[in-house]
Amino acid sequence: DASKLTDAVTTLDIIKTRRHILQIEELGNPYQVIAADVNG
């Protein structure tokens, strides 16, 4: 993938990940959880 990472990653991804961490709203499926683990 030669496209810019910012084409897919925005502040909304940070908001959703933060809500998951704070247990306000868990991510909807396991693939979203995997996507949030950006540092592996």
PDB file of all heavy atoms in Angstrom:
ATOM      1  N   ASP A   1       0.846  -1.191   0.000  1.00  0.00           N
ATOM      2  CA  ASP A   1       0.000   0.000   0.000  1.00  0.00           C
ATOM      3  C   ASP A   1       0.884   1.244   0.000  1.00  0.00           C
ATOM      4  O   ASP A   1       1.597   1.507   0.965  1.00  0.00           O
ATOM      5  CB  ASP A   1      -0.915   0.011   1.235  1.00  0.00           C
ATOM      6  CG  ASP A   1      -2.031   1.040   1.113  1.00  0.00           C
ATOM      7  OD1 ASP A   1      -1.952   1.895   0.208  1.00  0.00           O
ATOM      8  OD2 ASP A   1      -2.976   0.996   1.914  1.00  0.00           O
ATOM      9  N   ALA A   2       0.839   1.989  -1.099  1.00  0.00           N
ATOM     10  CA  ALA A   2       1.668   3.190  -1.225  1.00  0.00           C
ATOM     11  C   ALA A   2       0.909   4.453  -0.838  1.00  0.00           C
ATOM     12  O   ALA A   2       1.468   5.548  -0.884  1.00  0.00           O
ATOM     13  CB  ALA A   2       2.177   3.316  -2.662  1.00  0.00           C
ATOM     14  N   SER A   3      -0.364   4.327  -0.473  1.00  0.00           N
ATOM     15  CA  SER A   3      -1.153   5.518  -0.128  1.00  0.00           C
ATOM     16  C   SER A   3      -0.753   6.057   1.238  1.00  0.00           C
ATOM     17  O   SER A   3      -0.139   5.358   2.051  1.00  0.00           O
ATOM     18  CB  SER A   3      -2.646   5.183  -0.134  1.00  0.00           C
ATOM     19  OG  SER A   3      -2.941   4.216   0.858  1.00  0.00           O
ATOM     20  N   LYS A   4      -1.115   7.319   1.498  1.00  0.00           N
ATOM     21  CA  LYS A   4      -0.813   7.926   2.782  1.00  0.00           C
ATOM     22  C   LYS A   4      -1.639   7.270   3.879  1.00  0.00           C
ATOM     23  O   LYS A   4      -2.814   6.969   3.691  1.00  0.00           O
ATOM     24  CB  LYS A   4      -1.116   9.429   2.734  1.00  0.00           C
ATOM     25  CG  LYS A   4      -0.251  10.230   1.804  1.00  0.00           C
ATOM     26  CD  LYS A   4      -0.480  11.721   1.994  1.00  0.00           C
ATOM     27  CE  LYS A   4      -1.925  12.095   1.770  1.00  0.00           C
ATOM     28  NZ  LYS A   4      -2.144  13.558   1.928  1.00  0.00           N
ATOM     29  N   LEU A   5      -1.016   7.064   5.018  1.00  0.00           N
ATOM     30  CA  LEU A   5      -1.721   6.440   6.138  1.00  0.00           C
ATOM     31  C   LEU A   5      -2.867   7.320   6.613  1.00  0.00           C
ATOM     32  O   LEU A   5      -3.879   6.819   7.112  1.00  0.00           O
ATOM     33  CB  LEU A   5      -0.741   6.169   7.276  1.00  0.00           C
ATOM     34  CG  LEU A   5      -1.146   5.139   8.338  1.00  0.00           C
ATOM     35  CD1 LEU A   5      -1.530   3.828   7.684  1.00  0.00           C
ATOM     36  CD2 LEU A   5      -0.018   4.924   9.320  1.00  0.00           C
ATOM     37  N   THR A   6      -2.736   8.654   6.449  1.00  0.00           N
ATOM     38  CA  THR A   6      -3.798   9.567   6.881  1.00  0.00           C
ATOM     39  C   THR A   6      -5.042   9.464   6.008  1.00  0.00           C
ATOM     40  O   THR A   6      -6.072  10.041   6.346  1.00  0.00           O
ATOM     41  CB  THR A   6      -3.294  11.018   6.879  1.00  0.00           C
ATOM     42  OG1 THR A   6      -2.649  11.307   5.619  1.00  0.00           O
ATOM     43  CG2 THR A   6      -2.308  11.253   7.996  1.00  0.00           C
ATOM     44  N   ASP A   7      -4.965   8.739   4.872  1.00  0.00           N
ATOM     45  CA  ASP A   7      -6.174   8.503   4.082  1.00  0.00           C
ATOM     46  C   ASP A   7      -7.144   7.595   4.829  1.00  0.00           C
ATOM     47  O   ASP A   7      -8.339   7.562   4.524  1.00  0.00           O
ATOM     48  CB  ASP A   7      -5.830   7.859   2.731  1.00  0.00           C
ATOM     49  CG  ASP A   7      -5.142   8.832   1.789  1.00  0.00           C
ATOM     50  OD1 ASP A   7      -5.303  10.049   1.994  1.00  0.00           O
ATOM     51  OD2 ASP A   7      -4.446   8.382   0.866  1.00  0.00           O
ATOM     52  N   ALA A   8      -6.628   6.827   5.796  1.00  0.00           N
ATOM     53  CA  ALA A   8      -7.485   5.888   6.532  1.00  0.00           C
ATOM     54  C   ALA A   8      -7.530   6.171   8.019  1.00  0.00           C
ATOM     55  O   ALA A   8      -8.469   5.753   8.697  1.00  0.00           O
ATOM     56  CB  ALA A   8      -6.996   4.455   6.303  1.00  0.00           C
ATOM     57  N   VAL A   9      -6.526   6.865   8.572  1.00  0.00           N
ATOM     58  CA  VAL A   9      -6.445   7.086  10.016  1.00  0.00           C
ATOM     59  C   VAL A   9      -6.745   8.543  10.326  1.00  0.00           C
ATOM     60  O   VAL A   9      -6.090   9.447   9.802  1.00  0.00           O
ATOM     61  CB  VAL A   9      -5.048   6.707  10.549  1.00  0.00           C
ATOM     62  CG1 VAL A   9      -4.984   6.889  12.064  1.00  0.00           C
ATOM     63  CG2 VAL A   9      -4.707   5.273  10.172  1.00  0.00           C
ATOM     64  N   THR A  10      -7.755   8.785  11.161  1.00  0.00           N
ATOM     65  CA  THR A  10      -8.156  10.142  11.524  1.00  0.00           C
ATOM     66  C   THR A  10      -8.375  10.230  13.031  1.00  0.00           C
ATOM     67  O   THR A  10      -8.257   9.237  13.764  1.00  0.00           O
ATOM     68  CB  THR A  10      -9.465  10.547  10.812  1.00  0.00           C
ATOM     69  OG1 THR A  10     -10.553   9.768  11.355  1.00  0.00           O
ATOM     70  CG2 THR A  10      -9.380  10.323   9.313  1.00  0.00           C
ATOM     71  N   THR A  11      -8.738  11.429  13.470  1.00  0.00           N
ATOM     72  CA  THR A  11      -9.053  11.643  14.882  1.00  0.00           C
ATOM     73  C   THR A  11     -10.207  10.762  15.337  1.00  0.00           C
ATOM     74  O   THR A  11     -10.277  10.378  16.512  1.00  0.00           O
ATOM     75  CB  THR A  11      -9.378  13.127  15.119  1.00  0.00           C
ATOM     76  OG1 THR A  11      -8.236  13.913  14.750  1.00  0.00           O
ATOM     77  CG2 THR A  11      -9.714  13.409  16.574  1.00  0.00           C
ATOM     78  N   LEU A  12     -11.114  10.413  14.425  1.00  0.00           N
ATOM     79  CA  LEU A  12     -12.230   9.544  14.798  1.00  0.00           C
ATOM     80  C   LEU A  12     -11.731   8.176  15.266  1.00  0.00           C
ATOM     81  O   LEU A  12     -12.310   7.589  16.186  1.00  0.00           O
ATOM     82  CB  LEU A  12     -13.195   9.386  13.624  1.00  0.00           C
ATOM     83  CG  LEU A  12     -14.442   8.544  13.895  1.00  0.00           C
ATOM     84  CD1 LEU A  12     -15.227   9.078  15.084  1.00  0.00           C
ATOM     85  CD2 LEU A  12     -15.337   8.488  12.659  1.00  0.00           C
ATOM     86  N   ASP A  13     -10.678   7.666  14.649  1.00  0.00           N
ATOM     87  CA  ASP A  13     -10.104   6.392  15.103  1.00  0.00           C
ATOM     88  C   ASP A  13      -9.559   6.528  16.526  1.00  0.00           C
ATOM     89  O   ASP A  13      -9.678   5.604  17.337  1.00  0.00           O
ATOM     90  CB  ASP A  13      -8.992   5.954  14.152  1.00  0.00           C
ATOM     91  CG  ASP A  13      -9.498   5.716  12.745  1.00  0.00           C
ATOM     92  OD1 ASP A  13     -10.369   4.848  12.575  1.00  0.00           O
ATOM     93  OD2 ASP A  13      -9.038   6.405  11.821  1.00  0.00           O
ATOM     94  N   ILE A  14      -8.976   7.677  16.836  1.00  0.00           N
ATOM     95  CA  ILE A  14      -8.477   7.927  18.191  1.00  0.00           C
ATOM     96  C   ILE A  14      -9.645   7.996  19.174  1.00  0.00           C
ATOM     97  O   ILE A  14      -9.587   7.422  20.269  1.00  0.00           O
ATOM     98  CB  ILE A  14      -7.654   9.230  18.219  1.00  0.00           C
ATOM     99  CG1 ILE A  14      -6.418   9.088  17.324  1.00  0.00           C
ATOM    100  CG2 ILE A  14      -7.252   9.590  19.647  1.00  0.00           C
ATOM    101  CD1 ILE A  14      -5.609  10.357  17.180  1.00  0.00           C
ATOM    102  N   ILE A  15     -10.708   8.691  18.791  1.00  0.00           N
ATOM    103  CA  ILE A  15     -11.883   8.814  19.666  1.00  0.00           C
ATOM    104  C   ILE A  15     -12.465   7.437  19.973  1.00  0.00           C
ATOM    105  O   ILE A  15     -12.742   7.097  21.136  1.00  0.00           O
ATOM    106  CB  ILE A  15     -12.952   9.710  19.014  1.00  0.00           C
ATOM    107  CG1 ILE A  15     -12.436  11.154  18.872  1.00  0.00           C
ATOM    108  CG2 ILE A  15     -14.248   9.697  19.822  1.00  0.00           C
ATOM    109  CD1 ILE A  15     -13.329  12.036  18.035  1.00  0.00           C
ATOM    110  N   LYS A  16     -12.654   6.622  18.931  1.00  0.00           N
ATOM    111  CA  LYS A  16     -13.242   5.292  19.127  1.00  0.00           C
ATOM    112  C   LYS A  16     -12.331   4.402  19.989  1.00  0.00           C
ATOM    113  O   LYS A  16     -12.811   3.650  20.843  1.00  0.00           O
ATOM    114  CB  LYS A  16     -13.512   4.638  17.770  1.00  0.00           C
ATOM    115  CG  LYS A  16     -14.751   5.180  17.055  1.00  0.00           C
ATOM    116  CD  LYS A  16     -14.979   4.456  15.756  1.00  0.00           C
ATOM    117  CE  LYS A  16     -16.331   4.809  15.151  1.00  0.00           C
ATOM    118  NZ  LYS A  16     -17.453   4.218  15.882  1.00  0.00           N
ATOM    119  N   THR A  17     -11.019   4.502  19.754  1.00  0.00           N
ATOM    120  CA  THR A  17     -10.088   3.712  20.551  1.00  0.00           C
ATOM    121  C   THR A  17     -10.090   4.175  22.002  1.00  0.00           C
ATOM    122  O   THR A  17     -10.070   3.355  22.936  1.00  0.00           O
ATOM    123  CB  THR A  17      -8.671   3.811  19.958  1.00  0.00           C
ATOM    124  OG1 THR A  17      -8.693   3.364  18.601  1.00  0.00           O
ATOM    125  CG2 THR A  17      -7.693   2.945  20.742  1.00  0.00           C
ATOM    126  N   ARG A  18     -10.111   5.487  22.217  1.00  0.00           N
ATOM    127  CA  ARG A  18     -10.154   6.014  23.589  1.00  0.00           C
ATOM    128  C   ARG A  18     -11.431   5.555  24.295  1.00  0.00           C
ATOM    129  O   ARG A  18     -11.403   5.168  25.469  1.00  0.00           O
ATOM    130  CB  ARG A  18     -10.090   7.547  23.571  1.00  0.00           C
ATOM    131  CG  ARG A  18      -9.965   8.144  24.973  1.00  0.00           C
ATOM    132  CD  ARG A  18     -10.098   9.660  24.929  1.00  0.00           C
ATOM    133  NE  ARG A  18      -9.030  10.309  24.225  1.00  0.00           N
ATOM    134  CZ  ARG A  18      -7.843  10.611  24.754  1.00  0.00           C
ATOM    135  NH1 ARG A  18      -7.582  10.275  26.021  1.00  0.00           N
ATOM    136  NH2 ARG A  18      -6.919  11.227  24.053  1.00  0.00           N
ATOM    137  N   ARG A  19     -12.561   5.584  23.617  1.00  0.00           N
ATOM    138  CA  ARG A  19     -13.816   5.134  24.227  1.00  0.00           C
ATOM    139  C   ARG A  19     -13.760   3.656  24.587  1.00  0.00           C
ATOM    140  O   ARG A  19     -14.337   3.237  25.591  1.00  0.00           O
ATOM    141  CB  ARG A  19     -14.990   5.418  23.274  1.00  0.00           C
ATOM    142  CG  ARG A  19     -15.306   6.895  23.122  1.00  0.00           C
ATOM    143  CD  ARG A  19     -16.569   7.107  22.308  1.00  0.00           C
ATOM    144  NE  ARG A  19     -16.977   8.505  22.329  1.00  0.00           N
ATOM    145  CZ  ARG A  19     -18.139   8.954  21.883  1.00  0.00           C
ATOM    146  NH1 ARG A  19     -19.028   8.102  21.357  1.00  0.00           N
ATOM    147  NH2 ARG A  19     -18.444  10.238  21.939  1.00  0.00           N
ATOM    148  N   HIS A  20     -13.070   2.877  23.752  1.00  0.00           N
ATOM    149  CA  HIS A  20     -12.916   1.450  24.052  1.00  0.00           C
ATOM    150  C   HIS A  20     -12.054   1.264  25.293  1.00  0.00           C
ATOM    151  O   HIS A  20     -12.395   0.462  26.186  1.00  0.00           O
ATOM    152  CB  HIS A  20     -12.290   0.739  22.854  1.00  0.00           C
ATOM    153  CG  HIS A  20     -12.068  -0.725  23.055  1.00  0.00           C
ATOM    154  ND1 HIS A  20     -13.047  -1.667  22.814  1.00  0.00           N
ATOM    155  CD2 HIS A  20     -10.982  -1.414  23.497  1.00  0.00           C
ATOM    156  CE1 HIS A  20     -12.570  -2.870  23.079  1.00  0.00           C
ATOM    157  NE2 HIS A  20     -11.322  -2.745  23.504  1.00  0.00           N
ATOM    158  N   ILE A  21     -10.951   1.994  25.382  1.00  0.00           N
ATOM    159  CA  ILE A  21     -10.064   1.882  26.543  1.00  0.00           C
ATOM    160  C   ILE A  21     -10.794   2.271  27.820  1.00  0.00           C
ATOM    161  O   ILE A  21     -10.663   1.614  28.865  1.00  0.00           O
ATOM    162  CB  ILE A  21      -8.813   2.763  26.344  1.00  0.00           C
ATOM    163  CG1 ILE A  21      -7.948   2.222  25.199  1.00  0.00           C
ATOM    164  CG2 ILE A  21      -7.997   2.846  27.627  1.00  0.00           C
ATOM    165  CD1 ILE A  21      -6.787   3.115  24.818  1.00  0.00           C
ATOM    166  N   LEU A  22     -11.596   3.349  27.757  1.00  0.00           N
ATOM    167  CA  LEU A  22     -12.318   3.847  28.931  1.00  0.00           C
ATOM    168  C   LEU A  22     -13.611   3.085  29.195  1.00  0.00           C
ATOM    169  O   LEU A  22     -14.357   3.416  30.116  1.00  0.00           O
ATOM    170  CB  LEU A  22     -12.627   5.335  28.757  1.00  0.00           C
ATOM    171  CG  LEU A  22     -11.402   6.265  28.674  1.00  0.00           C
ATOM    172  CD1 LEU A  22     -11.841   7.697  28.392  1.00  0.00           C
ATOM    173  CD2 LEU A  22     -10.589   6.197  29.957  1.00  0.00           C
ATOM    174  N   GLN A  23     -13.899   2.074  28.351  1.00  0.00           N
ATOM    175  CA  GLN A  23     -15.091   1.231  28.474  1.00  0.00           C
ATOM    176  C   GLN A  23     -16.378   2.045  28.372  1.00  0.00           C
ATOM    177  O   GLN A  23     -17.399   1.700  28.965  1.00  0.00           O
ATOM    178  CB  GLN A  23     -15.061   0.444  29.790  1.00  0.00           C
ATOM    179  CG  GLN A  23     -13.877  -0.516  29.880  1.00  0.00           C
ATOM    180  CD  GLN A  23     -13.876  -1.348  31.141  1.00  0.00           C
ATOM    181  OE1 GLN A  23     -14.563  -1.042  32.114  1.00  0.00           O
ATOM    182  NE2 GLN A  23     -13.116  -2.434  31.141  1.00  0.00           N
ATOM    183  N   ILE A  24     -16.320   3.122  27.610  1.00  0.00           N
ATOM    184  CA  ILE A  24     -17.528   3.898  27.320  1.00  0.00           C
ATOM    185  C   ILE A  24     -18.325   3.213  26.214  1.00  0.00           C
ATOM    186  O   ILE A  24     -19.545   3.091  26.283  1.00  0.00           O
ATOM    187  CB  ILE A  24     -17.147   5.333  26.902  1.00  0.00           C
ATOM    188  CG1 ILE A  24     -16.478   6.061  28.064  1.00  0.00           C
ATOM    189  CG2 ILE A  24     -18.373   6.111  26.427  1.00  0.00           C
ATOM    190  CD1 ILE A  24     -15.921   7.419  27.700  1.00  0.00           C
ATOM    191  N   GLU A  25     -17.614   2.769  25.199  1.00  0.00           N
ATOM    192  CA  GLU A  25     -18.249   2.087  24.063  1.00  0.00           C
ATOM    193  C   GLU A  25     -17.226   1.141  23.442  1.00  0.00           C
ATOM    194  O   GLU A  25     -16.245   1.586  22.855  1.00  0.00           O
ATOM    195  CB  GLU A  25     -18.729   3.099  23.018  1.00  0.00           C
ATOM    196  CG  GLU A  25     -19.430   2.477  21.830  1.00  0.00           C
ATOM    197  CD  GLU A  25     -19.859   3.508  20.805  1.00  0.00           C
ATOM    198  OE1 GLU A  25     -19.598   4.709  21.023  1.00  0.00           O
ATOM    199  OE2 GLU A  25     -20.451   3.108  19.796  1.00  0.00           O
ATOM    200  N   GLU A  26     -17.446  -0.160  23.603  1.00  0.00           N
ATOM    201  CA  GLU A  26     -16.488  -1.123  23.080  1.00  0.00           C
ATOM    202  C   GLU A  26     -16.566  -1.189  21.555  1.00  0.00           C
ATOM    203  O   GLU A  26     -17.615  -0.956  20.958  1.00  0.00           O
ATOM    204  CB  GLU A  26     -16.733  -2.501  23.679  1.00  0.00           C
ATOM    205  CG  GLU A  26     -16.435  -2.587  25.172  1.00  0.00           C
ATOM    206  CD  GLU A  26     -16.446  -4.003  25.679  1.00  0.00           C
ATOM    207  OE1 GLU A  26     -16.718  -4.921  24.865  1.00  0.00           O
ATOM    208  OE2 GLU A  26     -16.184  -4.206  26.880  1.00  0.00           O
ATOM    209  N   LEU A  27     -15.442  -1.507  20.944  1.00  0.00           N
ATOM    210  CA  LEU A  27     -15.386  -1.640  19.493  1.00  0.00           C
ATOM    211  C   LEU A  27     -16.270  -2.801  19.054  1.00  0.00           C
ATOM    212  O   LEU A  27     -16.386  -3.807  19.736  1.00  0.00           O
ATOM    213  CB  LEU A  27     -13.943  -1.843  19.049  1.00  0.00           C
ATOM    214  CG  LEU A  27     -13.019  -0.644  19.331  1.00  0.00           C
ATOM    215  CD1 LEU A  27     -11.570  -0.993  19.026  1.00  0.00           C
ATOM    216  CD2 LEU A  27     -13.459   0.570  18.534  1.00  0.00           C
ATOM    217  N   GLY A  28     -16.855  -2.644  17.856  1.00  0.00           N
ATOM    218  CA  GLY A  28     -17.941  -3.527  17.448  1.00  0.00           C
ATOM    219  C   GLY A  28     -17.559  -4.938  17.087  1.00  0.00           C
ATOM    220  O   GLY A  28     -18.374  -5.852  17.209  1.00  0.00           O
ATOM    221  N   ASN A  29     -16.341  -5.176  16.595  1.00  0.00           N
ATOM    222  CA  ASN A  29     -15.962  -6.534  16.212  1.00  0.00           C
ATOM    223  C   ASN A  29     -14.470  -6.731  16.468  1.00  0.00           C
ATOM    224  O   ASN A  29     -13.715  -5.769  16.648  1.00  0.00           O
ATOM    225  CB  ASN A  29     -16.336  -6.822  14.749  1.00  0.00           C
ATOM    226  CG  ASN A  29     -15.579  -5.925  13.782  1.00  0.00           C
ATOM    227  OD1 ASN A  29     -14.353  -5.962  13.711  1.00  0.00           O
ATOM    228  ND2 ASN A  29     -16.314  -5.122  13.025  1.00  0.00           N
ATOM    229  N   PRO A  30     -14.005  -7.979  16.485  1.00  0.00           N
ATOM    230  CA  PRO A  30     -12.596  -8.237  16.826  1.00  0.00           C
ATOM    231  C   PRO A  30     -11.612  -7.624  15.838  1.00  0.00           C
ATOM    232  O   PRO A  30     -10.473  -7.328  16.203  1.00  0.00           O
ATOM    233  CB  PRO A  30     -12.501  -9.764  16.835  1.00  0.00           C
ATOM    234  CG  PRO A  30     -13.697 -10.248  16.093  1.00  0.00           C
ATOM    235  CD  PRO A  30     -14.765  -9.235  16.312  1.00  0.00           C
ATOM    236  N   TYR A  31     -12.039  -7.428  14.585  1.00  0.00           N
ATOM    237  CA  TYR A  31     -11.130  -6.850  13.594  1.00  0.00           C
ATOM    238  C   TYR A  31     -10.858  -5.379  13.889  1.00  0.00           C
ATOM    239  O   TYR A  31      -9.760  -4.877  13.607  1.00  0.00           O
ATOM    240  CB  TYR A  31     -11.693  -7.043  12.189  1.00  0.00           C
ATOM    241  CG  TYR A  31     -11.879  -8.502  11.839  1.00  0.00           C
ATOM    242  CD1 TYR A  31     -13.148  -9.075  11.811  1.00  0.00           C
ATOM    243  CD2 TYR A  31     -10.781  -9.315  11.568  1.00  0.00           C
ATOM    244  CE1 TYR A  31     -13.316 -10.419  11.512  1.00  0.00           C
ATOM    245  CE2 TYR A  31     -10.934 -10.666  11.267  1.00  0.00           C
ATOM    246  CZ  TYR A  31     -12.211 -11.210  11.243  1.00  0.00           C
ATOM    247  OH  TYR A  31     -12.367 -12.540  10.955  1.00  0.00           O
ATOM    248  N   GLN A  32     -11.832  -4.660  14.466  1.00  0.00           N
ATOM    249  CA  GLN A  32     -11.597  -3.282  14.882  1.00  0.00           C
ATOM    250  C   GLN A  32     -10.623  -3.237  16.057  1.00  0.00           C
ATOM    251  O   GLN A  32      -9.783  -2.339  16.154  1.00  0.00           O
ATOM    252  CB  GLN A  32     -12.913  -2.616  15.270  1.00  0.00           C
ATOM    253  CG  GLN A  32     -13.827  -2.314  14.090  1.00  0.00           C
ATOM    254  CD  GLN A  32     -15.130  -1.686  14.538  1.00  0.00           C
ATOM    255  OE1 GLN A  32     -15.963  -2.331  15.183  1.00  0.00           O
ATOM    256  NE2 GLN A  32     -15.318  -0.419  14.225  1.00  0.00           N
ATOM    257  N   VAL A  33     -10.725  -4.220  16.948  1.00  0.00           N
ATOM    258  CA  VAL A  33      -9.785  -4.299  18.076  1.00  0.00           C
ATOM    259  C   VAL A  33      -8.371  -4.510  17.551  1.00  0.00           C
ATOM    260  O   VAL A  33      -7.411  -3.869  18.002  1.00  0.00           O
ATOM    261  CB  VAL A  33     -10.188  -5.432  19.038  1.00  0.00           C
ATOM    262  CG1 VAL A  33      -9.159  -5.598  20.140  1.00  0.00           C
ATOM    263  CG2 VAL A  33     -11.570  -5.163  19.635  1.00  0.00           C
ATOM    264  N   ILE A  34      -8.230  -5.397  16.572  1.00  0.00           N
ATOM    265  CA  ILE A  34      -6.912  -5.656  15.983  1.00  0.00           C
ATOM    266  C   ILE A  34      -6.380  -4.392  15.320  1.00  0.00           C
ATOM    267  O   ILE A  34      -5.193  -4.061  15.435  1.00  0.00           O
ATOM    268  CB  ILE A  34      -7.008  -6.818  14.974  1.00  0.00           C
ATOM    269  CG1 ILE A  34      -7.363  -8.119  15.701  1.00  0.00           C
ATOM    270  CG2 ILE A  34      -5.714  -6.978  14.192  1.00  0.00           C
ATOM    271  CD1 ILE A  34      -7.729  -9.263  14.770  1.00  0.00           C
ATOM    272  N   ALA A  35      -7.257  -3.649  14.624  1.00  0.00           N
ATOM    273  CA  ALA A  35      -6.839  -2.416  13.942  1.00  0.00           C
ATOM    274  C   ALA A  35      -6.345  -1.370  14.927  1.00  0.00           C
ATOM    275  O   ALA A  35      -5.458  -0.565  14.608  1.00  0.00           O
ATOM    276  CB  ALA A  35      -7.987  -1.863  13.117  1.00  0.00           C
ATOM    277  N   ALA A  36      -6.925  -1.346  16.139  1.00  0.00           N
ATOM    278  CA  ALA A  36      -6.540  -0.345  17.137  1.00  0.00           C
ATOM    279  C   ALA A  36      -5.178  -0.627  17.752  1.00  0.00           C
ATOM    280  O   ALA A  36      -4.547   0.284  18.306  1.00  0.00           O
ATOM    281  CB  ALA A  36      -7.602  -0.272  18.231  1.00  0.00           C
ATOM    282  N   ASP A  37      -4.702  -1.841  17.642  1.00  0.00           N
ATOM    283  CA  ASP A  37      -3.410  -2.220  18.229  1.00  0.00           C
ATOM    284  C   ASP A  37      -2.297  -1.856  17.246  1.00  0.00           C
ATOM    285  O   ASP A  37      -1.649  -2.722  16.663  1.00  0.00           O
ATOM    286  CB  ASP A  37      -3.409  -3.714  18.545  1.00  0.00           C
ATOM    287  CG  ASP A  37      -2.081  -4.201  19.100  1.00  0.00           C
ATOM    288  OD1 ASP A  37      -1.369  -3.390  19.724  1.00  0.00           O
ATOM    289  OD2 ASP A  37      -1.750  -5.386  18.889  1.00  0.00           O
ATOM    290  N   VAL A  38      -2.045  -0.576  17.068  1.00  0.00           N
ATOM    291  CA  VAL A  38      -1.122  -0.133  16.025  1.00  0.00           C
ATOM    292  C   VAL A  38       0.335  -0.427  16.362  1.00  0.00           C
ATOM    293  O   VAL A  38       1.183  -0.479  15.465  1.00  0.00           O
ATOM    294  CB  VAL A  38      -1.299   1.367  15.728  1.00  0.00           C
ATOM    295  CG1 VAL A  38      -2.716   1.653  15.251  1.00  0.00           C
ATOM    296  CG2 VAL A  38      -0.972   2.229  16.944  1.00  0.00           C
ATOM    297  N   ASN A  39       0.654  -0.611  17.633  1.00  0.00           N
ATOM    298  CA  ASN A  39       2.055  -0.907  17.981  1.00  0.00           C
ATOM    299  C   ASN A  39       2.326  -2.412  18.091  1.00  0.00           C
ATOM    300  O   ASN A  39       3.428  -2.821  18.451  1.00  0.00           O
ATOM    301  CB  ASN A  39       2.467  -0.190  19.267  1.00  0.00           C
ATOM    302  CG  ASN A  39       1.710  -0.686  20.494  1.00  0.00           C
ATOM    303  OD1 ASN A  39       0.868  -1.599  20.396  1.00  0.00           O
ATOM    304  ND2 ASN A  39       1.975  -0.101  21.635  1.00  0.00           N
ATOM    305  N   GLY A  40       1.314  -3.242  17.790  1.00  0.00           N
ATOM    306  CA  GLY A  40       1.515  -4.684  17.740  1.00  0.00           C
ATOM    307  C   GLY A  40       1.806  -5.336  19.067  1.00  0.00           C
ATOM    308  O   GLY A  40       2.466  -6.376  19.124  1.00  0.00           O
TER     309      GLY A  40
END
